[in-house]
Amino acid sequence: MPVFTVAPESFSELDEDHWYFHDTDLLPTPNSLIEHMKIINTAKLDHPIILDEAGRVMDGMHRICKAILQEVPEISAVQFQADPAPDFVNCNPKELPYDA
């Protein structure tokens, strides 16, 4: 996919429940926010974020947050022209198989 740049502040997801909307017992507690802060701190801005065909964030919100905190004016992105079919639908994110 072609790589292009985008302003990190331009995403509507910044004003939405991006991480806690799943039907799980995860709440935005101080400890859960600390976990996200750790991920934001270690995020690498040299990897492009991934957008769906409508331009919404599929992967990279921690990188977007890091860019905003560091006042980086543009970050790299790639965008699907047609969204791929999901591997999982209507499932609990805690039950997904993640490779270590």
Protein backbone atom coordinates (compact mmCIF):
# COMPACT_ATOMS: atom_id res chain seq x y z
CA MET A 1 0.00 0.00 0.00
CA PRO A 2 1.26 3.50 -0.68
CA VAL A 3 2.49 5.42 2.35
CA PHE A 4 1.27 8.99 2.90
CA THR A 5 1.36 11.45 5.78
CA VAL A 6 -1.48 12.68 7.94
CA ALA A 7 -1.83 15.08 10.85
CA PRO A 8 -2.23 13.05 14.06
CA GLU A 9 -4.84 15.46 15.45
CA SER A 10 -7.14 14.86 12.46
CA PHE A 11 -8.77 11.64 13.69
CA SER A 12 -12.30 11.70 15.11
CA GLU A 13 -11.42 8.61 17.16
CA LEU A 14 -9.49 10.92 19.52
CA ASP A 15 -12.88 12.04 20.88
CA GLU A 16 -14.41 8.56 20.98
CA ASP A 17 -14.16 5.56 23.27
CA HIS A 18 -11.41 3.88 21.27
CA TRP A 19 -10.07 1.35 23.80
CA TYR A 20 -12.89 0.64 26.26
CA PHE A 21 -15.94 0.09 24.08
CA HIS A 22 -15.79 -3.71 24.09
CA ASP A 23 -18.25 -5.62 26.26
CA THR A 24 -15.63 -6.64 28.81
CA ASP A 25 -14.82 -5.87 32.41
CA LEU A 26 -12.06 -3.47 31.33
CA LEU A 27 -12.73 0.04 32.60
CA PRO A 28 -10.71 3.23 32.17
CA THR A 29 -9.07 2.94 35.58
CA PRO A 30 -5.79 4.62 36.47
CA ASN A 31 -4.03 1.26 36.10
CA SER A 32 -5.49 0.61 32.65
CA LEU A 33 -4.51 4.13 31.57
CA ILE A 34 -0.97 3.50 32.85
CA GLU A 35 -0.82 0.38 30.67
CA HIS A 36 -1.81 2.46 27.63
CA MET A 37 0.76 5.11 28.60
CA LYS A 38 3.47 2.43 28.64
CA ILE A 39 2.46 1.32 25.14
CA ILE A 40 2.39 4.95 23.96
CA ASN A 41 5.89 5.53 25.37
CA THR A 42 7.32 2.52 23.54
CA ALA A 43 5.41 3.06 20.28
CA LYS A 44 7.63 3.58 17.24
CA LEU A 45 6.63 6.44 14.97
CA ASP A 46 8.61 5.02 12.04
CA HIS A 47 5.86 2.42 11.44
CA PRO A 48 2.82 3.73 9.52
CA ILE A 49 -0.60 3.59 11.09
CA ILE A 50 -3.24 1.54 9.26
CA LEU A 51 -6.55 3.07 8.17
CA ASP A 52 -9.64 1.31 6.89
CA GLU A 53 -11.23 2.24 3.57
CA ALA A 54 -13.24 5.01 5.28
CA GLY A 55 -10.09 6.50 6.84
CA ARG A 56 -10.76 5.29 10.40
CA VAL A 57 -7.91 3.93 12.53
CA MET A 58 -7.55 0.15 12.36
CA ASP A 59 -4.10 0.08 14.00
CA GLY A 60 -1.93 2.82 15.42
CA MET A 61 -3.84 4.83 18.01
CA HIS A 62 -0.93 4.55 20.47
CA ARG A 63 1.39 5.99 17.77
CA ILE A 64 -1.11 8.77 17.08
CA CYS A 65 -1.19 9.63 20.80
CA LYS A 66 2.61 9.62 21.00
CA ALA A 67 2.88 11.91 17.96
CA ILE A 68 0.42 14.37 19.53
CA LEU A 69 2.25 14.32 22.87
CA GLN A 70 5.57 14.92 21.10
CA GLU A 71 4.00 17.58 18.86
CA VAL A 72 4.93 15.69 15.70
CA PRO A 73 3.00 17.46 12.90
CA GLU A 74 2.67 14.48 10.53
CA ILE A 75 2.88 10.70 10.76
CA SER A 76 2.98 7.99 8.11
CA ALA A 77 -0.14 6.04 7.23
CA VAL A 78 -1.39 3.39 4.82
CA GLN A 79 -5.03 2.88 3.89
CA PHE A 80 -7.00 -0.07 2.60
CA GLN A 81 -8.91 0.59 -0.61
CA ALA A 82 -11.27 -2.25 0.37
CA ASP A 83 -11.40 -3.55 3.94
CA PRO A 84 -10.34 -7.17 4.39
CA ALA A 85 -12.82 -9.60 5.89
CA PRO A 86 -12.44 -9.87 9.68
CA ASP A 87 -10.87 -12.97 11.20
CA PHE A 88 -13.19 -12.69 14.23
CA VAL A 89 -16.65 -11.13 14.69
CA ASN A 90 -18.63 -10.41 17.89
CA CYS A 91 -16.01 -11.82 20.21
CA ASN A 92 -14.43 -10.81 23.48
CA PRO A 93 -11.00 -9.24 22.73
CA LYS A 94 -9.57 -11.03 25.78
CA GLU A 95 -10.34 -14.36 24.13
CA LEU A 96 -8.53 -13.61 20.85
CA PRO A 97 -5.38 -15.60 20.10
CA TYR A 98 -2.39 -13.26 20.18
CA ASP A 99 1.08 -14.31 19.16
CA ALA A 100 3.72 -13.47 21.74
